Amino acid sequence: MNAGMLRHVVNVQTNTPSLDANGGEVDSWATTSTIRASVQTLTGRKLELARQINAEATVEVRCRLCSTGTGGFTVANRLLFGSQILEPIYVVNENERNISLVGMCKERIDG
C-alpha cells in the first residue's frame, strides 16, 4: 500500500454509553485512536459492487494494519472524517494478509 494514498486523518470512536438524569442510557462516542486512511466516495461500478454487499454502502475506507493484524476499526466503531460521521457496515482484512483493512461505510446524517 502506497503511503501517499493514506492522506486522510480519521478518528476511530467507540460507543461508551452513559446514564442520563432519568437513569436512561445515552450513547456517547469517545475517540479511541486516530489513523491515517484513504477515504473515497464510491461511484459508478465500485458503487454497484459495494451495493451488492450492502445497499447502504457509499464510502470506502482503507487503512494499514500493524504486523499482528490488530488496529484499524471494526463494525462496532464509528469513524469521524472531518465533519462526516461514517458507520462501518462491512470490514475485511484484505486478502487475509494483515497488511490493509478495507471498510464499506455509510454516512450518518443524524449524528
C-alpha atoms as a PDB file:
ATOM      1  CA  MET A   1       0.000   0.000   0.000  1.00  0.00           C
ATOM      2  CA  ASN A   2       1.421   3.328  -1.095  1.00  0.00           C
ATOM      3  CA  ALA A   3       1.847   5.767   1.830  1.00  0.00           C
ATOM      4  CA  GLY A   4       0.623   8.624  -0.366  1.00  0.00           C
ATOM      5  CA  MET A   5      -2.813   7.029  -0.543  1.00  0.00           C
ATOM      6  CA  LEU A   6      -3.218   7.388   3.240  1.00  0.00           C
ATOM      7  CA  ARG A   7      -3.608  11.159   3.123  1.00  0.00           C
ATOM      8  CA  HIS A   8      -6.718  11.451   5.305  1.00  0.00           C
ATOM      9  CA  VAL A   9      -6.849  11.629   9.093  1.00  0.00           C
ATOM     10  CA  VAL A  10      -9.731   9.631  10.574  1.00  0.00           C
ATOM     11  CA  ASN A  11     -10.752   9.396  14.238  1.00  0.00           C
ATOM     12  CA  VAL A  12     -11.951   5.954  15.360  1.00  0.00           C
ATOM     13  CA  GLN A  13     -14.655   6.232  18.010  1.00  0.00           C
ATOM     14  CA  THR A  14     -16.114   3.647  20.372  1.00  0.00           C
ATOM     15  CA  ASN A  15     -19.544   3.808  21.971  1.00  0.00           C
ATOM     16  CA  THR A  16     -19.351   4.363  25.732  1.00  0.00           C
ATOM     17  CA  PRO A  17     -22.963   4.501  26.986  1.00  0.00           C
ATOM     18  CA  SER A  18     -23.686   6.739  29.951  1.00  0.00           C
ATOM     19  CA  LEU A  19     -26.765   7.378  32.089  1.00  0.00           C
ATOM     20  CA  ASP A  20     -28.886  10.497  31.757  1.00  0.00           C
ATOM     21  CA  ALA A  21     -30.666  12.288  34.633  1.00  0.00           C
ATOM     22  CA  ASN A  22     -33.605   9.862  34.433  1.00  0.00           C
ATOM     23  CA  GLY A  23     -31.421   6.745  34.513  1.00  0.00           C
ATOM     24  CA  GLY A  24     -31.803   6.012  30.802  1.00  0.00           C
ATOM     25  CA  GLU A  25     -28.867   5.012  28.646  1.00  0.00           C
ATOM     26  CA  VAL A  26     -27.445   7.635  26.300  1.00  0.00           C
ATOM     27  CA  ASP A  27     -24.923   6.888  23.556  1.00  0.00           C
ATOM     28  CA  SER A  28     -21.647   8.771  23.972  1.00  0.00           C
ATOM     29  CA  TRP A  29     -18.838   8.330  21.490  1.00  0.00           C
ATOM     30  CA  ALA A  30     -15.218   8.624  22.598  1.00  0.00           C
ATOM     31  CA  THR A  31     -12.244   8.801  20.244  1.00  0.00           C
ATOM     32  CA  THR A  32     -10.032   5.774  20.900  1.00  0.00           C
ATOM     33  CA  SER A  33      -7.476   6.248  18.120  1.00  0.00           C
ATOM     34  CA  THR A  34      -6.531   8.367  15.142  1.00  0.00           C
ATOM     35  CA  ILE A  35      -5.495   6.610  11.943  1.00  0.00           C
ATOM     36  CA  ARG A  36      -4.206   7.560   8.508  1.00  0.00           C
ATOM     37  CA  ALA A  37      -6.548   6.263   5.826  1.00  0.00           C
ATOM     38  CA  SER A  38      -7.770   6.588   2.285  1.00  0.00           C
ATOM     39  CA  VAL A  39     -11.398   7.751   2.188  1.00  0.00           C
ATOM     40  CA  GLN A  40     -13.174   7.528  -1.172  1.00  0.00           C
ATOM     41  CA  THR A  41     -16.765   8.176  -2.112  1.00  0.00           C
ATOM     42  CA  LEU A  42     -17.908   5.240  -4.212  1.00  0.00           C
ATOM     43  CA  THR A  43     -19.160   5.983  -7.705  1.00  0.00           C
ATOM     44  CA  GLY A  44     -20.005   4.047 -10.837  1.00  0.00           C
ATOM     45  CA  ARG A  45     -19.038   0.385 -10.965  1.00  0.00           C
ATOM     46  CA  LYS A  46     -17.428   0.378  -7.488  1.00  0.00           C
ATOM     47  CA  LEU A  47     -20.677   1.694  -6.013  1.00  0.00           C
ATOM     48  CA  GLU A  48     -22.698  -1.034  -7.723  1.00  0.00           C
ATOM     49  CA  LEU A  49     -20.327  -3.751  -6.461  1.00  0.00           C
ATOM     50  CA  ALA A  50     -20.452  -2.367  -2.910  1.00  0.00           C
ATOM     51  CA  ARG A  51     -24.238  -2.270  -3.004  1.00  0.00           C
ATOM     52  CA  GLN A  52     -24.296  -5.999  -3.764  1.00  0.00           C
ATOM     53  CA  ILE A  53     -22.820  -6.473  -0.282  1.00  0.00           C
ATOM     54  CA  ASN A  54     -24.952  -3.812   1.394  1.00  0.00           C
ATOM     55  CA  ALA A  55     -27.375  -1.414  -0.257  1.00  0.00           C
ATOM     56  CA  GLU A  56     -26.351   1.491   2.004  1.00  0.00           C
ATOM     57  CA  ALA A  57     -22.580   1.473   1.367  1.00  0.00           C
ATOM     58  CA  THR A  58     -21.406   4.781  -0.111  1.00  0.00           C
ATOM     59  CA  VAL A  59     -17.843   5.307   1.205  1.00  0.00           C
ATOM     60  CA  GLU A  60     -14.754   3.076   1.169  1.00  0.00           C
ATOM     61  CA  VAL A  61     -12.139   3.494   3.915  1.00  0.00           C
ATOM     62  CA  ARG A  62      -8.722   1.785   3.664  1.00  0.00           C
ATOM     63  CA  CYS A  63      -6.016   1.771   6.313  1.00  0.00           C
ATOM     64  CA  ARG A  64      -2.943  -0.205   7.324  1.00  0.00           C
ATOM     65  CA  LEU A  65      -2.871  -2.937   9.939  1.00  0.00           C
ATOM     66  CA  CYS A  66       0.078  -3.457  12.251  1.00  0.00           C
ATOM     67  CA  SER A  67       2.051  -6.693  11.907  1.00  0.00           C
ATOM     68  CA  THR A  68      -0.094  -8.521  14.489  1.00  0.00           C
ATOM     69  CA  GLY A  69      -3.255  -7.844  12.491  1.00  0.00           C
ATOM     70  CA  THR A  70      -4.719  -5.526  15.119  1.00  0.00           C
ATOM     71  CA  GLY A  71      -5.566  -1.870  14.874  1.00  0.00           C
ATOM     72  CA  GLY A  72      -7.838  -0.082  12.479  1.00  0.00           C
ATOM     73  CA  PHE A  73     -11.580  -0.305  13.086  1.00  0.00           C
ATOM     74  CA  THR A  74     -14.497  -2.734  13.237  1.00  0.00           C
ATOM     75  CA  VAL A  75     -18.244  -2.534  12.638  1.00  0.00           C
ATOM     76  CA  ALA A  76     -18.633  -1.725  16.359  1.00  0.00           C
ATOM     77  CA  ASN A  77     -16.819   1.599  15.834  1.00  0.00           C
ATOM     78  CA  ARG A  78     -17.747   4.747  14.014  1.00  0.00           C
ATOM     79  CA  LEU A  79     -15.356   6.943  12.069  1.00  0.00           C
ATOM     80  CA  LEU A  80     -15.094  10.710  12.184  1.00  0.00           C
ATOM     81  CA  PHE A  81     -13.713  12.179   8.973  1.00  0.00           C
ATOM     82  CA  GLY A  82     -13.813  15.953   9.244  1.00  0.00           C
ATOM     83  CA  SER A  83     -17.478  16.702   9.897  1.00  0.00           C
ATOM     84  CA  GLN A  84     -18.648  13.394   8.357  1.00  0.00           C
ATOM     85  CA  ILE A  85     -19.713  10.516  10.575  1.00  0.00           C
ATOM     86  CA  LEU A  86     -19.114   7.177   8.857  1.00  0.00           C
ATOM     87  CA  GLU A  87     -20.649   3.942  10.108  1.00  0.00           C
ATOM     88  CA  PRO A  88     -18.755   0.805   9.001  1.00  0.00           C
ATOM     89  CA  ILE A  89     -21.113  -1.797   7.566  1.00  0.00           C
ATOM     90  CA  TYR A  90     -18.589  -4.325   6.321  1.00  0.00           C
ATOM     91  CA  VAL A  91     -14.902  -4.542   7.309  1.00  0.00           C
ATOM     92  CA  VAL A  92     -12.427  -7.059   5.903  1.00  0.00           C
ATOM     93  CA  ASN A  93      -8.713  -7.807   6.270  1.00  0.00           C
ATOM     94  CA  GLU A  94      -7.844  -7.561   2.574  1.00  0.00           C
ATOM     95  CA  ASN A  95      -6.666 -10.954   1.256  1.00  0.00           C
ATOM     96  CA  GLU A  96      -6.109 -12.063   4.901  1.00  0.00           C
ATOM     97  CA  ARG A  97      -2.536 -10.779   4.649  1.00  0.00           C
ATOM     98  CA  ASN A  98      -2.643  -8.449   7.692  1.00  0.00           C
ATOM     99  CA  ILE A  99      -1.484  -5.546   5.554  1.00  0.00           C
ATOM    100  CA  SER A 100      -4.582  -3.483   4.882  1.00  0.00           C
ATOM    101  CA  LEU A 101      -8.111  -3.176   6.168  1.00  0.00           C
ATOM    102  CA  VAL A 102     -10.992  -2.209   3.867  1.00  0.00           C
ATOM    103  CA  GLY A 103     -14.306  -0.992   5.183  1.00  0.00           C
ATOM    104  CA  MET A 104     -17.509  -0.159   3.357  1.00  0.00           C
ATOM    105  CA  CYS A 105     -19.305   2.566   5.261  1.00  0.00           C
ATOM    106  CA  LYS A 106     -22.450   4.611   5.146  1.00  0.00           C
ATOM    107  CA  GLU A 107     -22.610   8.270   6.082  1.00  0.00           C
ATOM    108  CA  ARG A 108     -24.692   9.092   9.152  1.00  0.00           C
ATOM    109  CA  ILE A 109     -26.738  12.257   8.872  1.00  0.00           C
ATOM    110  CA  ASP A 110     -28.349  12.318  12.320  1.00  0.00           C
ATOM    111  CA  GLY A 111     -25.078  12.223  14.344  1.00  0.00           C
END
